[in-house]
C-alpha cells in the first residue's frame, strides 16, 4: 500500500479530483474528463474503491462496480 501511495500518478490524482467534485459521474463523463476511453477508466476506479480511496456508495460509478 505504501508503494501505491508513493506512485499516485497525475491520472490518479485527476481521477480522485473528478470523483471528489462529483461522485455520480458516469464512466463516459470520467473518461472525457481524463482524456481516455470509458473502458480505460474502469480499472483505476475499481482500484480506488478497493483501496478505500472513495466510497462504494458512489451513485453512477459505484452502481456499476
Protein backbone atom coordinates (compact mmCIF):
# COMPACT_ATOMS: atom_id res chain seq x y z
CA UNK A 1 0.00 0.00 0.00
CA UNK A 2 2.86 2.37 0.78
CA UNK A 3 4.24 1.94 -2.74
CA UNK A 4 0.83 2.74 -4.25
CA UNK A 5 0.61 5.94 -2.20
CA UNK A 6 4.03 6.98 -3.45
CA UNK A 7 3.10 6.11 -7.03
CA UNK A 8 -0.07 8.20 -7.21
CA UNK A 9 0.11 9.39 -10.78
CA UNK A 10 -1.27 12.55 -12.33
CA UNK A 11 -4.00 10.36 -13.82
CA UNK A 12 -4.93 9.02 -10.39
CA UNK A 13 -4.86 12.49 -8.86
CA UNK A 14 -7.14 13.83 -11.57
CA UNK A 15 -9.47 10.84 -11.17
CA UNK A 16 -9.77 11.45 -7.44
CA UNK A 17 -10.33 15.16 -8.04
CA UNK A 18 -13.14 14.42 -10.52
CA UNK A 19 -14.79 11.93 -8.18
CA UNK A 20 -14.46 14.34 -5.26
CA UNK A 21 -16.21 17.03 -7.28
CA UNK A 22 -18.98 14.71 -8.50
CA UNK A 23 -19.12 11.14 -7.26
CA UNK A 24 -22.06 10.43 -9.54
CA UNK A 25 -20.14 10.86 -12.78
CA UNK A 26 -20.71 8.14 -15.36
CA UNK A 27 -17.89 6.12 -16.87
CA UNK A 28 -18.22 8.20 -20.04
CA UNK A 29 -18.03 11.51 -18.14
CA UNK A 30 -14.97 10.36 -16.23
CA UNK A 31 -13.36 9.23 -19.47
CA UNK A 32 -13.92 12.63 -21.09
CA UNK A 33 -12.52 14.38 -18.02
CA UNK A 34 -9.44 12.17 -18.07
CA UNK A 35 -8.96 12.12 -21.84
CA UNK A 36 -9.27 8.34 -22.18
CA UNK A 37 -11.89 5.79 -23.25
CA UNK A 38 -14.62 4.68 -20.85
CA UNK A 39 -13.18 1.13 -20.53
CA UNK A 40 -9.82 2.64 -19.57
CA UNK A 41 -11.47 4.23 -16.53
CA UNK A 42 -12.94 1.06 -15.02
CA UNK A 43 -9.75 -0.48 -13.60
CA UNK A 44 -8.47 2.71 -11.91
CA UNK A 45 -11.92 3.41 -10.42
CA UNK A 46 -12.25 -0.13 -9.13
CA UNK A 47 -8.77 0.16 -7.63
CA UNK A 48 -9.73 3.35 -5.78
CA UNK A 49 -12.81 1.55 -4.45
CA UNK A 50 -10.75 -1.48 -3.39
CA UNK A 51 -8.19 0.70 -1.62
CA UNK A 52 -10.93 2.68 0.10
CA UNK A 53 -9.88 5.96 -1.51
CA UNK A 54 -13.50 6.57 -2.48
CA UNK A 55 -16.68 5.10 -1.03
CA UNK A 56 -18.52 2.20 -2.58
CA UNK A 57 -21.79 4.11 -2.36
CA UNK A 58 -21.00 6.21 -5.41
CA UNK A 59 -24.11 6.81 -7.48
CA UNK A 60 -23.03 6.40 -11.08
CA UNK A 61 -19.70 4.65 -10.56
CA UNK A 62 -20.43 2.52 -7.53
CA UNK A 63 -23.60 1.22 -9.07
CA UNK A 64 -21.64 -0.24 -11.97
CA UNK A 65 -18.85 -1.80 -9.90
